Amino acid sequence: MEDIFIPLIAIGCIFIGLPWLIFHYVTKWKTIGSITGEDEKLLDELHYVARQLEERLLTVERIIAADNPDFRPLRPERSETEYDLSRRN
């Protein structure tokens, strides 16, 4: 009996269980394929905070450069017109 039972379970897992598992997750991935409005709002907020932090870093680098003439920032200063904060989503 055990000689037949173990191969039957293995064949069932290969031909029924594995395709079911694959199709189950493929279906889940297709339904979750787009970002939600909440995710988009969070990304927008994170982008805005990153821009603010970059502006603060540039301000600190300008202050340090004014106090110490030997200081060289790691990157060149950016102009205010390079990006426009009003074009946010």
N, C-alpha and C. Protein backbone atom coordinates (compact mmCIF):
# COMPACT_ATOMS: atom_id res chain seq x y z
N MET A 1 0.81 -1.19 0.00
CA MET A 1 0.00 0.00 0.00
C MET A 1 0.87 1.27 0.00
N GLU A 2 1.91 1.28 0.81
CA GLU A 2 2.79 2.44 0.86
C GLU A 2 3.54 2.62 -0.44
N ASP A 3 3.76 1.54 -1.18
CA ASP A 3 4.47 1.65 -2.45
C ASP A 3 3.66 2.45 -3.47
N ILE A 4 2.37 2.48 -3.35
CA ILE A 4 1.51 3.21 -4.27
C ILE A 4 1.16 4.60 -3.71
N PHE A 5 1.05 4.71 -2.40
CA PHE A 5 0.60 5.94 -1.76
C PHE A 5 1.59 7.09 -1.94
N ILE A 6 2.87 6.87 -1.74
CA ILE A 6 3.89 7.92 -1.83
C ILE A 6 4.01 8.45 -3.26
N PRO A 7 4.10 7.60 -4.30
CA PRO A 7 4.15 8.15 -5.66
C PRO A 7 2.87 8.89 -6.05
N LEU A 8 1.72 8.45 -5.54
CA LEU A 8 0.46 9.14 -5.83
C LEU A 8 0.47 10.55 -5.25
N ILE A 9 0.96 10.70 -4.06
CA ILE A 9 1.06 12.02 -3.43
C ILE A 9 2.05 12.90 -4.20
N ALA A 10 3.17 12.33 -4.59
CA ALA A 10 4.17 13.10 -5.34
C ALA A 10 3.60 13.56 -6.68
N ILE A 11 2.93 12.70 -7.40
CA ILE A 11 2.35 13.05 -8.69
C ILE A 11 1.24 14.09 -8.51
N GLY A 12 0.44 13.93 -7.47
CA GLY A 12 -0.61 14.91 -7.18
C GLY A 12 -0.03 16.28 -6.87
N CYS A 13 1.04 16.30 -6.11
CA CYS A 13 1.68 17.58 -5.80
C CYS A 13 2.27 18.23 -7.04
N ILE A 14 2.87 17.43 -7.91
CA ILE A 14 3.51 17.99 -9.10
C ILE A 14 2.47 18.49 -10.10
N PHE A 15 1.45 17.70 -10.37
CA PHE A 15 0.51 18.03 -11.43
C PHE A 15 -0.73 18.80 -10.98
N ILE A 16 -1.01 18.82 -9.69
CA ILE A 16 -2.17 19.56 -9.20
C ILE A 16 -1.74 20.70 -8.27
N GLY A 17 -0.93 20.39 -7.30
CA GLY A 17 -0.55 21.39 -6.30
C GLY A 17 0.32 22.50 -6.84
N LEU A 18 1.34 22.16 -7.60
CA LEU A 18 2.26 23.16 -8.12
C LEU A 18 1.58 24.12 -9.11
N PRO A 19 0.83 23.62 -10.11
CA PRO A 19 0.12 24.57 -10.99
C PRO A 19 -0.90 25.44 -10.25
N TRP A 20 -1.60 24.84 -9.27
CA TRP A 20 -2.55 25.63 -8.50
C TRP A 20 -1.84 26.76 -7.76
N LEU A 21 -0.70 26.46 -7.16
CA LEU A 21 0.07 27.46 -6.44
C LEU A 21 0.55 28.57 -7.38
N ILE A 22 1.05 28.19 -8.54
CA ILE A 22 1.53 29.18 -9.51
C ILE A 22 0.38 30.06 -9.99
N PHE A 23 -0.73 29.47 -10.40
CA PHE A 23 -1.87 30.25 -10.89
C PHE A 23 -2.48 31.12 -9.80
N HIS A 24 -2.45 30.64 -8.57
CA HIS A 24 -2.97 31.43 -7.45
C HIS A 24 -2.19 32.73 -7.31
N TYR A 25 -0.84 32.64 -7.29
CA TYR A 25 -0.03 33.84 -7.11
C TYR A 25 0.00 34.71 -8.36
N VAL A 26 -0.11 34.14 -9.54
CA VAL A 26 -0.19 34.95 -10.75
C VAL A 26 -1.47 35.79 -10.71
N THR A 27 -2.56 35.21 -10.29
CA THR A 27 -3.81 35.94 -10.17
C THR A 27 -3.70 37.05 -9.13
N LYS A 28 -3.06 36.77 -8.01
CA LYS A 28 -2.87 37.80 -6.97
C LYS A 28 -2.02 38.95 -7.51
N TRP A 29 -0.93 38.64 -8.24
CA TRP A 29 -0.06 39.68 -8.76
C TRP A 29 -0.79 40.54 -9.78
N LYS A 30 -1.67 39.97 -10.55
CA LYS A 30 -2.41 40.75 -11.54
C LYS A 30 -3.40 41.71 -10.88
N THR A 31 -4.00 41.31 -9.78
CA THR A 31 -4.96 42.19 -9.11
C THR A 31 -4.25 43.29 -8.34
N ILE A 32 -3.03 43.05 -7.89
CA ILE A 32 -2.29 44.05 -7.11
C ILE A 32 -1.38 44.87 -8.02
N GLY A 33 -1.45 44.71 -9.31
CA GLY A 33 -0.52 45.31 -10.25
C GLY A 33 -0.36 46.81 -10.20
N SER A 34 -1.35 47.55 -9.74
CA SER A 34 -1.23 49.01 -9.73
C SER A 34 -1.14 49.52 -8.29
N ILE A 35 -0.58 50.72 -8.17
CA ILE A 35 -0.48 51.30 -6.83
C ILE A 35 -1.81 51.97 -6.47
N THR A 36 -2.09 52.00 -5.22
CA THR A 36 -3.33 52.59 -4.75
C THR A 36 -3.16 54.11 -4.62
N GLY A 37 -4.25 54.79 -4.41
CA GLY A 37 -4.21 56.23 -4.21
C GLY A 37 -3.44 56.60 -2.96
N GLU A 38 -3.57 55.77 -1.94
CA GLU A 38 -2.84 56.02 -0.69
C GLU A 38 -1.33 55.89 -0.91
N ASP A 39 -0.92 54.87 -1.69
CA ASP A 39 0.50 54.69 -2.00
C ASP A 39 1.03 55.87 -2.82
N GLU A 40 0.23 56.35 -3.75
CA GLU A 40 0.65 57.48 -4.57
C GLU A 40 0.80 58.74 -3.73
N LYS A 41 -0.12 58.92 -2.78
CA LYS A 41 -0.03 60.08 -1.89
C LYS A 41 1.22 59.99 -1.02
N LEU A 42 1.52 58.79 -0.52
CA LEU A 42 2.72 58.60 0.30
C LEU A 42 3.99 58.87 -0.50
N LEU A 43 4.04 58.40 -1.74
CA LEU A 43 5.20 58.66 -2.59
C LEU A 43 5.35 60.15 -2.86
N ASP A 44 4.25 60.83 -3.04
CA ASP A 44 4.28 62.27 -3.27
C ASP A 44 4.83 63.00 -2.05
N GLU A 45 4.39 62.60 -0.87
CA GLU A 45 4.88 63.21 0.36
C GLU A 45 6.37 62.94 0.56
N LEU A 46 6.79 61.72 0.29
CA LEU A 46 8.21 61.38 0.43
C LEU A 46 9.07 62.17 -0.55
N HIS A 47 8.56 62.36 -1.75
CA HIS A 47 9.29 63.14 -2.74
C HIS A 47 9.43 64.59 -2.28
N TYR A 48 8.36 65.14 -1.74
CA TYR A 48 8.39 66.51 -1.24
C TYR A 48 9.38 66.66 -0.08
N VAL A 49 9.38 65.70 0.84
CA VAL A 49 10.31 65.74 1.98
C VAL A 49 11.75 65.62 1.49
N ALA A 50 11.99 64.77 0.50
CA ALA A 50 13.34 64.63 -0.04
C ALA A 50 13.82 65.95 -0.66
N ARG A 51 12.94 66.63 -1.35
CA ARG A 51 13.32 67.94 -1.92
C ARG A 51 13.63 68.95 -0.82
N GLN A 52 12.84 68.96 0.24
CA GLN A 52 13.10 69.87 1.36
C GLN A 52 14.44 69.57 2.00
N LEU A 53 14.74 68.28 2.20
CA LEU A 53 16.01 67.91 2.82
C LEU A 53 17.19 68.29 1.92
N GLU A 54 17.01 68.16 0.62
CA GLU A 54 18.07 68.56 -0.30
C GLU A 54 18.31 70.06 -0.22
N GLU A 55 17.24 70.85 -0.14
CA GLU A 55 17.39 72.29 -0.01
C GLU A 55 18.09 72.66 1.29
N ARG A 56 17.76 71.96 2.37
CA ARG A 56 18.41 72.22 3.66
C ARG A 56 19.89 71.87 3.59
N LEU A 57 20.22 70.78 2.95
CA LEU A 57 21.62 70.38 2.81
C LEU A 57 22.40 71.42 2.01
N LEU A 58 21.81 71.92 0.95
CA LEU A 58 22.48 72.95 0.16
C LEU A 58 22.66 74.23 0.97
N THR A 59 21.69 74.56 1.80
CA THR A 59 21.80 75.73 2.66
C THR A 59 22.94 75.57 3.67
N VAL A 60 23.02 74.39 4.27
CA VAL A 60 24.11 74.12 5.23
C VAL A 60 25.46 74.18 4.52
N GLU A 61 25.54 73.64 3.33
CA GLU A 61 26.81 73.69 2.58
C GLU A 61 27.19 75.12 2.24
N ARG A 62 26.21 75.96 1.90
CA ARG A 62 26.51 77.37 1.62
C ARG A 62 27.00 78.08 2.87
N ILE A 63 26.40 77.79 4.02
CA ILE A 63 26.83 78.42 5.27
C ILE A 63 28.25 77.99 5.63
N ILE A 64 28.53 76.70 5.49
CA ILE A 64 29.87 76.20 5.79
C ILE A 64 30.88 76.80 4.82
N ALA A 65 30.52 76.90 3.55
CA ALA A 65 31.44 77.48 2.56
C ALA A 65 31.70 78.95 2.84
N ALA A 66 30.71 79.66 3.39
CA ALA A 66 30.91 81.07 3.73
C ALA A 66 31.85 81.22 4.91
N ASP A 67 31.79 80.29 5.88
CA ASP A 67 32.65 80.37 7.06
C ASP A 67 34.04 79.82 6.80
N ASN A 68 34.14 78.83 5.92
CA ASN A 68 35.41 78.17 5.67
C ASN A 68 35.71 78.20 4.17
N PRO A 69 36.65 79.04 3.74
CA PRO A 69 36.90 79.17 2.30
C PRO A 69 37.51 77.91 1.67
N ASP A 70 38.07 77.00 2.47
CA ASP A 70 38.66 75.78 1.92
C ASP A 70 37.63 74.67 1.70
N PHE A 71 36.43 74.89 2.17
CA PHE A 71 35.39 73.87 2.03
C PHE A 71 34.92 73.77 0.59
N ARG A 72 34.84 72.54 0.10
CA ARG A 72 34.31 72.30 -1.24
C ARG A 72 33.16 71.31 -1.13
N PRO A 73 31.98 71.71 -1.57
CA PRO A 73 30.84 70.77 -1.53
C PRO A 73 31.09 69.58 -2.45
N LEU A 74 30.46 68.46 -2.13
CA LEU A 74 30.64 67.26 -2.93
C LEU A 74 30.02 67.40 -4.31
N ARG A 75 29.01 68.21 -4.43
CA ARG A 75 28.36 68.40 -5.72
C ARG A 75 28.16 69.88 -5.96
N PRO A 76 28.08 70.29 -7.21
CA PRO A 76 27.90 71.71 -7.48
C PRO A 76 26.52 72.19 -7.04
N GLU A 77 26.44 73.48 -6.77
CA GLU A 77 25.15 74.05 -6.36
C GLU A 77 24.17 73.98 -7.50
N ARG A 78 22.93 73.74 -7.16
CA ARG A 78 21.88 73.67 -8.16
C ARG A 78 21.12 74.98 -8.18
N SER A 79 20.68 75.34 -9.34
CA SER A 79 19.90 76.56 -9.44
C SER A 79 18.46 76.29 -9.01
N GLU A 80 17.77 77.33 -8.66
CA GLU A 80 16.38 77.19 -8.22
C GLU A 80 15.47 76.79 -9.38
N THR A 81 15.88 77.07 -10.61
CA THR A 81 15.02 76.77 -11.75
C THR A 81 15.19 75.35 -12.26
N GLU A 82 16.07 74.58 -11.69
CA GLU A 82 16.29 73.21 -12.19
C GLU A 82 15.07 72.32 -11.98
N TYR A 83 14.36 72.52 -10.89
CA TYR A 83 13.12 71.78 -10.69
C TYR A 83 12.09 72.73 -10.07
N ASP A 84 10.87 72.42 -10.35
CA ASP A 84 9.78 73.28 -9.93
C ASP A 84 8.88 72.48 -8.96
N LEU A 85 8.77 72.95 -7.74
CA LEU A 85 7.97 72.23 -6.75
C LEU A 85 6.48 72.30 -7.06
N SER A 86 6.06 73.26 -7.86
CA SER A 86 4.63 73.36 -8.16
C SER A 86 4.18 72.29 -9.14
N ARG A 87 5.10 71.55 -9.75
CA ARG A 87 4.74 70.52 -10.72
C ARG A 87 4.53 69.16 -10.07
N ARG A 88 4.34 69.15 -8.79
CA ARG A 88 4.10 67.89 -8.08
C ARG A 88 2.76 67.32 -8.48
N ASN A 89 2.64 66.00 -8.35
CA ASN A 89 1.35 65.33 -8.67
C ASN A 89 0.33 65.60 -7.62
